[in-house]
Amino acid sequence: FELVLVMDVLAQHFNDVVLFEARRCGIKLMFIPGKLTWLCQPFDTHVLSLYKRFLRRIYLKYQMDHANAEISILQWILFIRDTIADVINGQI
């Protein structure tokens, strides 16, 4: 399997650190051009809502377990990886 992370073109998503860490972890990035996210609406309402809920749960648990810890870009990528594994792959 190849891991592909789909994101909109928010400026923070093009951050050099994000791009470097994704490449280092073997994650391919796919960007949805501006004003085209409406095409993904069914995906957003039926898949991403579960994804966002699970990601939020992982994030909050990490904050509870690591009080006052700064969350690195790598840790966010690991959160995303775990979310994809549990939510997206679990739905197929």
PDB file of N, CA and C in Angstrom:
ATOM      1  N   PHE A   1       0.826  -1.184   0.000  1.00  0.00           N
ATOM      2  CA  PHE A   1       0.000   0.000   0.000  1.00  0.00           C
ATOM      3  C   PHE A   1       0.870   1.247   0.000  1.00  0.00           C
ATOM      4  N   GLU A   2       0.375   2.269  -0.637  1.00  0.00           N
ATOM      5  CA  GLU A   2       1.005   3.575  -0.559  1.00  0.00           C
ATOM      6  C   GLU A   2       0.103   4.479   0.257  1.00  0.00           C
ATOM      7  N   LEU A   3       0.701   5.267   1.104  1.00  0.00           N
ATOM      8  CA  LEU A   3      -0.055   6.201   1.926  1.00  0.00           C
ATOM      9  C   LEU A   3      -0.116   7.537   1.203  1.00  0.00           C
ATOM     10  N   VAL A   4      -1.334   8.003   0.947  1.00  0.00           N
ATOM     11  CA  VAL A   4      -1.547   9.278   0.277  1.00  0.00           C
ATOM     12  C   VAL A   4      -2.361  10.163   1.208  1.00  0.00           C
ATOM     13  N   LEU A   5      -1.863  11.344   1.473  1.00  0.00           N
ATOM     14  CA  LEU A   5      -2.559  12.305   2.320  1.00  0.00           C
ATOM     15  C   LEU A   5      -3.143  13.385   1.420  1.00  0.00           C
ATOM     16  N   VAL A   6      -4.454  13.542   1.457  1.00  0.00           N
ATOM     17  CA  VAL A   6      -5.152  14.534   0.631  1.00  0.00           C
ATOM     18  C   VAL A   6      -5.432  15.759   1.485  1.00  0.00           C
ATOM     19  N   MET A   7      -5.003  16.921   0.985  1.00  0.00           N
ATOM     20  CA  MET A   7      -5.193  18.168   1.730  1.00  0.00           C
ATOM     21  C   MET A   7      -5.617  19.276   0.774  1.00  0.00           C
ATOM     22  N   ASP A   8      -6.237  20.296   1.344  1.00  0.00           N
ATOM     23  CA  ASP A   8      -6.525  21.470   0.527  1.00  0.00           C
ATOM     24  C   ASP A   8      -5.251  22.313   0.439  1.00  0.00           C
ATOM     25  N   VAL A   9      -5.322  23.425  -0.238  1.00  0.00           N
ATOM     26  CA  VAL A   9      -4.117  24.215  -0.492  1.00  0.00           C
ATOM     27  C   VAL A   9      -3.885  25.319   0.552  1.00  0.00           C
ATOM     28  N   LEU A  10      -4.312  25.082   1.762  1.00  0.00           N
ATOM     29  CA  LEU A  10      -4.032  25.985   2.872  1.00  0.00           C
ATOM     30  C   LEU A  10      -2.515  26.191   2.969  1.00  0.00           C
ATOM     31  N   ALA A  11      -2.089  27.407   3.163  1.00  0.00           N
ATOM     32  CA  ALA A  11      -0.657  27.731   3.149  1.00  0.00           C
ATOM     33  C   ALA A  11       0.154  26.856   4.115  1.00  0.00           C
ATOM     34  N   GLN A  12      -0.392  26.537   5.270  1.00  0.00           N
ATOM     35  CA  GLN A  12       0.334  25.719   6.247  1.00  0.00           C
ATOM     36  C   GLN A  12       0.622  24.320   5.716  1.00  0.00           C
ATOM     37  N   HIS A  13      -0.198  23.832   4.796  1.00  0.00           N
ATOM     38  CA  HIS A  13       0.023  22.502   4.238  1.00  0.00           C
ATOM     39  C   HIS A  13       1.236  22.462   3.311  1.00  0.00           C
ATOM     40  N   PHE A  14       1.669  23.631   2.822  1.00  0.00           N
ATOM     41  CA  PHE A  14       2.826  23.710   1.944  1.00  0.00           C
ATOM     42  C   PHE A  14       4.103  24.060   2.709  1.00  0.00           C
ATOM     43  N   ASN A  15       4.048  24.025   4.009  1.00  0.00           N
ATOM     44  CA  ASN A  15       5.198  24.314   4.845  1.00  0.00           C
ATOM     45  C   ASN A  15       6.324  23.330   4.513  1.00  0.00           C
ATOM     46  N   ASP A  16       7.555  23.837   4.392  1.00  0.00           N
ATOM     47  CA  ASP A  16       8.693  22.983   4.042  1.00  0.00           C
ATOM     48  C   ASP A  16       8.880  21.830   5.020  1.00  0.00           C
ATOM     49  N   VAL A  17       8.609  22.078   6.296  1.00  0.00           N
ATOM     50  CA  VAL A  17       8.764  21.025   7.305  1.00  0.00           C
ATOM     51  C   VAL A  17       7.742  19.916   7.059  1.00  0.00           C
ATOM     52  N   VAL A  18       6.508  20.279   6.759  1.00  0.00           N
ATOM     53  CA  VAL A  18       5.463  19.285   6.480  1.00  0.00           C
ATOM     54  C   VAL A  18       5.838  18.462   5.256  1.00  0.00           C
ATOM     55  N   LEU A  19       6.259  19.144   4.193  1.00  0.00           N
ATOM     56  CA  LEU A  19       6.636  18.450   2.963  1.00  0.00           C
ATOM     57  C   LEU A  19       7.820  17.508   3.192  1.00  0.00           C
ATOM     58  N   PHE A  20       8.813  17.966   3.947  1.00  0.00           N
ATOM     59  CA  PHE A  20       9.990  17.148   4.239  1.00  0.00           C
ATOM     60  C   PHE A  20       9.614  15.914   5.057  1.00  0.00           C
ATOM     61  N   GLU A  21       8.846  16.110   6.134  1.00  0.00           N
ATOM     62  CA  GLU A  21       8.482  14.989   7.008  1.00  0.00           C
ATOM     63  C   GLU A  21       7.615  13.969   6.267  1.00  0.00           C
ATOM     64  N   ALA A  22       6.705  14.448   5.449  1.00  0.00           N
ATOM     65  CA  ALA A  22       5.870  13.524   4.674  1.00  0.00           C
ATOM     66  C   ALA A  22       6.749  12.691   3.746  1.00  0.00           C
ATOM     67  N   ARG A  23       7.660  13.340   3.048  1.00  0.00           N
ATOM     68  CA  ARG A  23       8.560  12.626   2.138  1.00  0.00           C
ATOM     69  C   ARG A  23       9.416  11.636   2.920  1.00  0.00           C
ATOM     70  N   ARG A  24       9.931  12.073   4.067  1.00  0.00           N
ATOM     71  CA  ARG A  24      10.787  11.204   4.902  1.00  0.00           C
ATOM     72  C   ARG A  24      10.037   9.958   5.377  1.00  0.00           C
ATOM     73  N   CYS A  25       8.747  10.122   5.647  1.00  0.00           N
ATOM     74  CA  CYS A  25       7.928   9.006   6.132  1.00  0.00           C
ATOM     75  C   CYS A  25       7.295   8.204   4.996  1.00  0.00           C
ATOM     76  N   GLY A  26       7.582   8.575   3.761  1.00  0.00           N
ATOM     77  CA  GLY A  26       7.033   7.832   2.626  1.00  0.00           C
ATOM     78  C   GLY A  26       5.575   8.137   2.350  1.00  0.00           C
ATOM     79  N   ILE A  27       5.102   9.297   2.778  1.00  0.00           N
ATOM     80  CA  ILE A  27       3.711   9.684   2.555  1.00  0.00           C
ATOM     81  C   ILE A  27       3.638  10.558   1.314  1.00  0.00           C
ATOM     82  N   LYS A  28       2.817  10.163   0.367  1.00  0.00           N
ATOM     83  CA  LYS A  28       2.610  10.978  -0.830  1.00  0.00           C
ATOM     84  C   LYS A  28       1.527  12.009  -0.522  1.00  0.00           C
ATOM     85  N   LEU A  29       1.738  13.214  -0.992  1.00  0.00           N
ATOM     86  CA  LEU A  29       0.784  14.293  -0.747  1.00  0.00           C
ATOM     87  C   LEU A  29       0.001  14.589  -2.018  1.00  0.00           C
ATOM     88  N   MET A  30      -1.296  14.783  -1.861  1.00  0.00           N
ATOM     89  CA  MET A  30      -2.153  15.174  -2.973  1.00  0.00           C
ATOM     90  C   MET A  30      -2.933  16.402  -2.519  1.00  0.00           C
ATOM     91  N   PHE A  31      -2.891  17.442  -3.320  1.00  0.00           N
ATOM     92  CA  PHE A  31      -3.533  18.694  -2.950  1.00  0.00           C
ATOM     93  C   PHE A  31      -4.761  18.940  -3.824  1.00  0.00           C
ATOM     94  N   ILE A  32      -5.850  19.359  -3.183  1.00  0.00           N
ATOM     95  CA  ILE A  32      -7.072  19.724  -3.890  1.00  0.00           C
ATOM     96  C   ILE A  32      -7.007  21.218  -4.166  1.00  0.00           C
ATOM     97  N   PRO A  33      -7.059  21.611  -5.430  1.00  0.00           N
ATOM     98  CA  PRO A  33      -6.980  23.040  -5.755  1.00  0.00           C
ATOM     99  C   PRO A  33      -8.125  23.832  -5.122  1.00  0.00           C
ATOM    100  N   GLY A  34      -7.854  25.110  -4.886  1.00  0.00           N
ATOM    101  CA  GLY A  34      -8.861  25.996  -4.334  1.00  0.00           C
ATOM    102  C   GLY A  34     -10.129  26.024  -5.182  1.00  0.00           C
ATOM    103  N   LYS A  35     -11.240  26.191  -4.525  1.00  0.00           N
ATOM    104  CA  LYS A  35     -12.567  26.282  -5.134  1.00  0.00           C
ATOM    105  C   LYS A  35     -13.038  24.965  -5.759  1.00  0.00           C
ATOM    106  N   LEU A  36     -12.363  23.863  -5.457  1.00  0.00           N
ATOM    107  CA  LEU A  36     -12.800  22.558  -5.958  1.00  0.00           C
ATOM    108  C   LEU A  36     -13.146  21.584  -4.836  1.00  0.00           C
ATOM    109  N   THR A  37     -13.029  22.032  -3.593  1.00  0.00           N
ATOM    110  CA  THR A  37     -13.308  21.118  -2.488  1.00  0.00           C
ATOM    111  C   THR A  37     -14.767  20.673  -2.465  1.00  0.00           C
ATOM    112  N   TRP A  38     -15.681  21.424  -3.083  1.00  0.00           N
ATOM    113  CA  TRP A  38     -17.091  21.033  -3.122  1.00  0.00           C
ATOM    114  C   TRP A  38     -17.257  19.699  -3.849  1.00  0.00           C
ATOM    115  N   LEU A  39     -16.335  19.361  -4.760  1.00  0.00           N
ATOM    116  CA  LEU A  39     -16.422  18.083  -5.463  1.00  0.00           C
ATOM    117  C   LEU A  39     -16.242  16.902  -4.509  1.00  0.00           C
ATOM    118  N   CYS A  40     -15.602  17.177  -3.400  1.00  0.00           N
ATOM    119  CA  CYS A  40     -15.332  16.121  -2.424  1.00  0.00           C
ATOM    120  C   CYS A  40     -16.398  16.048  -1.335  1.00  0.00           C
ATOM    121  N   GLN A  41     -17.474  16.776  -1.456  1.00  0.00           N
ATOM    122  CA  GLN A  41     -18.481  16.857  -0.396  1.00  0.00           C
ATOM    123  C   GLN A  41     -18.991  15.491   0.080  1.00  0.00           C
ATOM    124  N   PRO A  42     -19.358  14.568  -0.818  1.00  0.00           N
ATOM    125  CA  PRO A  42     -19.807  13.261  -0.303  1.00  0.00           C
ATOM    126  C   PRO A  42     -18.712  12.546   0.496  1.00  0.00           C
ATOM    127  N   PHE A  43     -17.497  12.641   0.042  1.00  0.00           N
ATOM    128  CA  PHE A  43     -16.372  12.062   0.774  1.00  0.00           C
ATOM    129  C   PHE A  43     -16.231  12.741   2.132  1.00  0.00           C
ATOM    130  N   ASP A  44     -16.403  14.053   2.156  1.00  0.00           N
ATOM    131  CA  ASP A  44     -16.271  14.817   3.392  1.00  0.00           C
ATOM    132  C   ASP A  44     -17.330  14.407   4.404  1.00  0.00           C
ATOM    133  N   THR A  45     -18.565  14.284   3.953  1.00  0.00           N
ATOM    134  CA  THR A  45     -19.653  14.001   4.905  1.00  0.00           C
ATOM    135  C   THR A  45     -19.716  12.542   5.329  1.00  0.00           C
ATOM    136  N   HIS A  46     -19.229  11.626   4.508  1.00  0.00           N
ATOM    137  CA  HIS A  46     -19.361  10.209   4.833  1.00  0.00           C
ATOM    138  C   HIS A  46     -18.075   9.553   5.330  1.00  0.00           C
ATOM    139  N   VAL A  47     -16.942  10.130   5.021  1.00  0.00           N
ATOM    140  CA  VAL A  47     -15.676   9.529   5.450  1.00  0.00           C
ATOM    141  C   VAL A  47     -14.896  10.476   6.351  1.00  0.00           C
ATOM    142  N   LEU A  48     -14.703  11.698   5.911  1.00  0.00           N
ATOM    143  CA  LEU A  48     -13.862  12.618   6.674  1.00  0.00           C
ATOM    144  C   LEU A  48     -14.445  12.984   8.027  1.00  0.00           C
ATOM    145  N   SER A  49     -15.749  12.960   8.172  1.00  0.00           N
ATOM    146  CA  SER A  49     -16.318  13.258   9.490  1.00  0.00           C
ATOM    147  C   SER A  49     -15.863  12.210  10.511  1.00  0.00           C
ATOM    148  N   LEU A  50     -15.820  10.941  10.115  1.00  0.00           N
ATOM    149  CA  LEU A  50     -15.300   9.884  10.999  1.00  0.00           C
ATOM    150  C   LEU A  50     -13.811  10.092  11.250  1.00  0.00           C
ATOM    151  N   TYR A  51     -13.099  10.416  10.180  1.00  0.00           N
ATOM    152  CA  TYR A  51     -11.656  10.645  10.253  1.00  0.00           C
ATOM    153  C   TYR A  51     -11.336  11.780  11.231  1.00  0.00           C
ATOM    154  N   LYS A  52     -12.025  12.906  11.087  1.00  0.00           N
ATOM    155  CA  LYS A  52     -11.773  14.070  11.944  1.00  0.00           C
ATOM    156  C   LYS A  52     -12.105  13.761  13.400  1.00  0.00           C
ATOM    157  N   ARG A  53     -13.188  13.035  13.632  1.00  0.00           N
ATOM    158  CA  ARG A  53     -13.576  12.678  14.998  1.00  0.00           C
ATOM    159  C   ARG A  53     -12.499  11.792  15.643  1.00  0.00           C
ATOM    160  N   PHE A  54     -12.005  10.789  14.892  1.00  0.00           N
ATOM    161  CA  PHE A  54     -10.983   9.892  15.423  1.00  0.00           C
ATOM    162  C   PHE A  54      -9.674  10.636  15.653  1.00  0.00           C
ATOM    163  N   LEU A  55      -9.270  11.494  14.709  1.00  0.00           N
ATOM    164  CA  LEU A  55      -8.038  12.275  14.846  1.00  0.00           C
ATOM    165  C   LEU A  55      -8.104  13.177  16.076  1.00  0.00           C
ATOM    166  N   ARG A  56      -9.252  13.811  16.284  1.00  0.00           N
ATOM    167  CA  ARG A  56      -9.429  14.667  17.458  1.00  0.00           C
ATOM    168  C   ARG A  56      -9.284  13.841  18.745  1.00  0.00           C
ATOM    169  N   ARG A  57      -9.831  12.629  18.745  1.00  0.00           N
ATOM    170  CA  ARG A  57      -9.749  11.758  19.922  1.00  0.00           C
ATOM    171  C   ARG A  57      -8.291  11.383  20.220  1.00  0.00           C
ATOM    172  N   ILE A  58      -7.519  11.031  19.187  1.00  0.00           N
ATOM    173  CA  ILE A  58      -6.101  10.698  19.365  1.00  0.00           C
ATOM    174  C   ILE A  58      -5.339  11.907  19.910  1.00  0.00           C
ATOM    175  N   TYR A  59      -5.594  13.068  19.326  1.00  0.00           N
ATOM    176  CA  TYR A  59      -4.930  14.299  19.745  1.00  0.00           C
ATOM    177  C   TYR A  59      -5.222  14.605  21.218  1.00  0.00           C
ATOM    178  N   LEU A  60      -6.471  14.529  21.616  1.00  0.00           N
ATOM    179  CA  LEU A  60      -6.833  14.835  23.002  1.00  0.00           C
ATOM    180  C   LEU A  60      -6.236  13.826  23.971  1.00  0.00           C
ATOM    181  N   LYS A  61      -6.215  12.554  23.592  1.00  0.00           N
ATOM    182  CA  LYS A  61      -5.604  11.532  24.443  1.00  0.00           C
ATOM    183  C   LYS A  61      -4.112  11.804  24.609  1.00  0.00           C
ATOM    184  N   TYR A  62      -3.442  12.162  23.531  1.00  0.00           N
ATOM    185  CA  TYR A  62      -2.010  12.486  23.604  1.00  0.00           C
ATOM    186  C   TYR A  62      -1.782  13.659  24.541  1.00  0.00           C
ATOM    187  N   GLN A  63      -2.617  14.696  24.440  1.00  0.00           N
ATOM    188  CA  GLN A  63      -2.478  15.853  25.326  1.00  0.00           C
ATOM    189  C   GLN A  63      -2.675  15.463  26.787  1.00  0.00           C
ATOM    190  N   MET A  64      -3.620  14.571  27.046  1.00  0.00           N
ATOM    191  CA  MET A  64      -3.849  14.126  28.422  1.00  0.00           C
ATOM    192  C   MET A  64      -2.664  13.318  28.941  1.00  0.00           C
ATOM    193  N   ASP A  65      -2.095  12.463  28.085  1.00  0.00           N
ATOM    194  CA  ASP A  65      -0.982  11.604  28.501  1.00  0.00           C
ATOM    195  C   ASP A  65       0.359  12.331  28.556  1.00  0.00           C
ATOM    196  N   HIS A  66       0.481  13.449  27.830  1.00  0.00           N
ATOM    197  CA  HIS A  66       1.742  14.184  27.758  1.00  0.00           C
ATOM    198  C   HIS A  66       1.482  15.665  28.052  1.00  0.00           C
ATOM    199  N   ALA A  67       1.087  15.942  29.274  1.00  0.00           N
ATOM    200  CA  ALA A  67       0.752  17.313  29.658  1.00  0.00           C
ATOM    201  C   ALA A  67       1.922  18.251  29.368  1.00  0.00           C
ATOM    202  N   ASN A  68       1.597  19.398  28.802  1.00  0.00           N
ATOM    203  CA  ASN A  68       2.575  20.446  28.490  1.00  0.00           C
ATOM    204  C   ASN A  68       3.588  20.064  27.415  1.00  0.00           C
ATOM    205  N   ALA A  69       3.392  18.950  26.734  1.00  0.00           N
ATOM    206  CA  ALA A  69       4.320  18.558  25.678  1.00  0.00           C
ATOM    207  C   ALA A  69       3.933  19.250  24.369  1.00  0.00           C
ATOM    208  N   GLU A  70       4.943  19.725  23.644  1.00  0.00           N
ATOM    209  CA  GLU A  70       4.690  20.306  22.333  1.00  0.00           C
ATOM    210  C   GLU A  70       4.540  19.159  21.338  1.00  0.00           C
ATOM    211  N   ILE A  71       3.565  19.279  20.461  1.00  0.00           N
ATOM    212  CA  ILE A  71       3.326  18.225  19.482  1.00  0.00           C
ATOM    213  C   ILE A  71       4.090  18.573  18.209  1.00  0.00           C
ATOM    214  N   SER A  72       5.018  17.712  17.843  1.00  0.00           N
ATOM    215  CA  SER A  72       5.877  17.948  16.680  1.00  0.00           C
ATOM    216  C   SER A  72       5.136  17.613  15.384  1.00  0.00           C
ATOM    217  N   ILE A  73       5.724  18.044  14.280  1.00  0.00           N
ATOM    218  CA  ILE A  73       5.186  17.703  12.964  1.00  0.00           C
ATOM    219  C   ILE A  73       5.181  16.188  12.795  1.00  0.00           C
ATOM    220  N   LEU A  74       6.251  15.538  13.219  1.00  0.00           N
ATOM    221  CA  LEU A  74       6.319  14.074  13.109  1.00  0.00           C
ATOM    222  C   LEU A  74       5.200  13.423  13.903  1.00  0.00           C
ATOM    223  N   GLN A  75       4.919  13.929  15.100  1.00  0.00           N
ATOM    224  CA  GLN A  75       3.838  13.346  15.905  1.00  0.00           C
ATOM    225  C   GLN A  75       2.500  13.513  15.203  1.00  0.00           C
ATOM    226  N   TRP A  76       2.266  14.680  14.564  1.00  0.00           N
ATOM    227  CA  TRP A  76       1.031  14.880  13.809  1.00  0.00           C
ATOM    228  C   TRP A  76       0.930  13.874  12.674  1.00  0.00           C
ATOM    229  N   ILE A  77       2.038  13.632  11.997  1.00  0.00           N
ATOM    230  CA  ILE A  77       2.028  12.652  10.906  1.00  0.00           C
ATOM    231  C   ILE A  77       1.696  11.266  11.447  1.00  0.00           C
ATOM    232  N   LEU A  78       2.205  10.940  12.623  1.00  0.00           N
ATOM    233  CA  LEU A  78       1.868   9.651  13.245  1.00  0.00           C
ATOM    234  C   LEU A  78       0.390   9.595  13.626  1.00  0.00           C
ATOM    235  N   PHE A  79      -0.164  10.708  14.132  1.00  0.00           N
ATOM    236  CA  PHE A  79      -1.604  10.765  14.411  1.00  0.00           C
ATOM    237  C   PHE A  79      -2.392  10.479  13.135  1.00  0.00           C
ATOM    238  N   ILE A  80      -1.987  11.126  12.061  1.00  0.00           N
ATOM    239  CA  ILE A  80      -2.687  10.958  10.776  1.00  0.00           C
ATOM    240  C   ILE A  80      -2.563   9.524  10.288  1.00  0.00           C
ATOM    241  N   ARG A  81      -1.356   8.962  10.395  1.00  0.00           N
ATOM    242  CA  ARG A  81      -1.151   7.571   9.985  1.00  0.00           C
ATOM    243  C   ARG A  81      -2.073   6.622  10.757  1.00  0.00           C
ATOM    244  N   ASP A  82      -2.134   6.789  12.066  1.00  0.00           N
ATOM    245  CA  ASP A  82      -2.974   5.924  12.895  1.00  0.00           C
ATOM    246  C   ASP A  82      -4.449   6.104  12.567  1.00  0.00           C
ATOM    247  N   THR A  83      -4.834   7.336  12.307  1.00  0.00           N
ATOM    248  CA  THR A  83      -6.229   7.605  11.960  1.00  0.00           C
ATOM    249  C   THR A  83      -6.591   6.932  10.644  1.00  0.00           C
ATOM    250  N   ILE A  84      -5.726   7.058   9.657  1.00  0.00           N
ATOM    251  CA  ILE A  84      -5.982   6.415   8.360  1.00  0.00           C
ATOM    252  C   ILE A  84      -6.078   4.912   8.541  1.00  0.00           C
ATOM    253  N   ALA A  85      -5.157   4.333   9.296  1.00  0.00           N
ATOM    254  CA  ALA A  85      -5.155   2.885   9.503  1.00  0.00           C
ATOM    255  C   ALA A  85      -6.447   2.422  10.171  1.00  0.00           C
ATOM    256  N   ASP A  86      -6.915   3.150  11.171  1.00  0.00           N
ATOM    257  CA  ASP A  86      -8.090   2.709  11.927  1.00  0.00           C
ATOM    258  C   ASP A  86      -9.416   3.077  11.263  1.00  0.00           C
ATOM    259  N   VAL A  87      -9.491   4.242  10.651  1.00  0.00           N
ATOM    260  CA  VAL A  87     -10.777   4.719  10.125  1.00  0.00           C
ATOM    261  C   VAL A  87     -10.911   4.413   8.640  1.00  0.00           C
ATOM    262  N   ILE A  88     -10.007   4.928   7.838  1.00  0.00           N
ATOM    263  CA  ILE A  88     -10.157   4.793   6.390  1.00  0.00           C
ATOM    264  C   ILE A  88      -9.979   3.336   5.964  1.00  0.00           C
ATOM    265  N   ASN A  89      -8.874   2.717   6.351  1.00  0.00           N
ATOM    266  CA  ASN A  89      -8.646   1.321   5.972  1.00  0.00           C
ATOM    267  C   ASN A  89      -9.681   0.389   6.587  1.00  0.00           C
ATOM    268  N   GLY A  90     -10.165   0.729   7.764  1.00  0.00           N
ATOM    269  CA  GLY A  90     -11.175  -0.086   8.424  1.00  0.00           C
ATOM    270  C   GLY A  90     -12.526  -0.059   7.731  1.00  0.00           C
ATOM    271  N   GLN A  91     -12.757   0.954   6.888  1.00  0.00           N
ATOM    272  CA  GLN A  91     -14.036   1.099   6.178  1.00  0.00           C
ATOM    273  C   GLN A  91     -14.058   0.343   4.856  1.00  0.00           C
ATOM    274  N   ILE A  92     -12.882  -0.069   4.379  1.00  0.00           N
ATOM    275  CA  ILE A  92     -12.802  -0.707   3.057  1.00  0.00           C
ATOM    276  C   ILE A  92     -13.184  -2.157   3.152  1.00  0.00           C
TER     277      ILE A  92
END
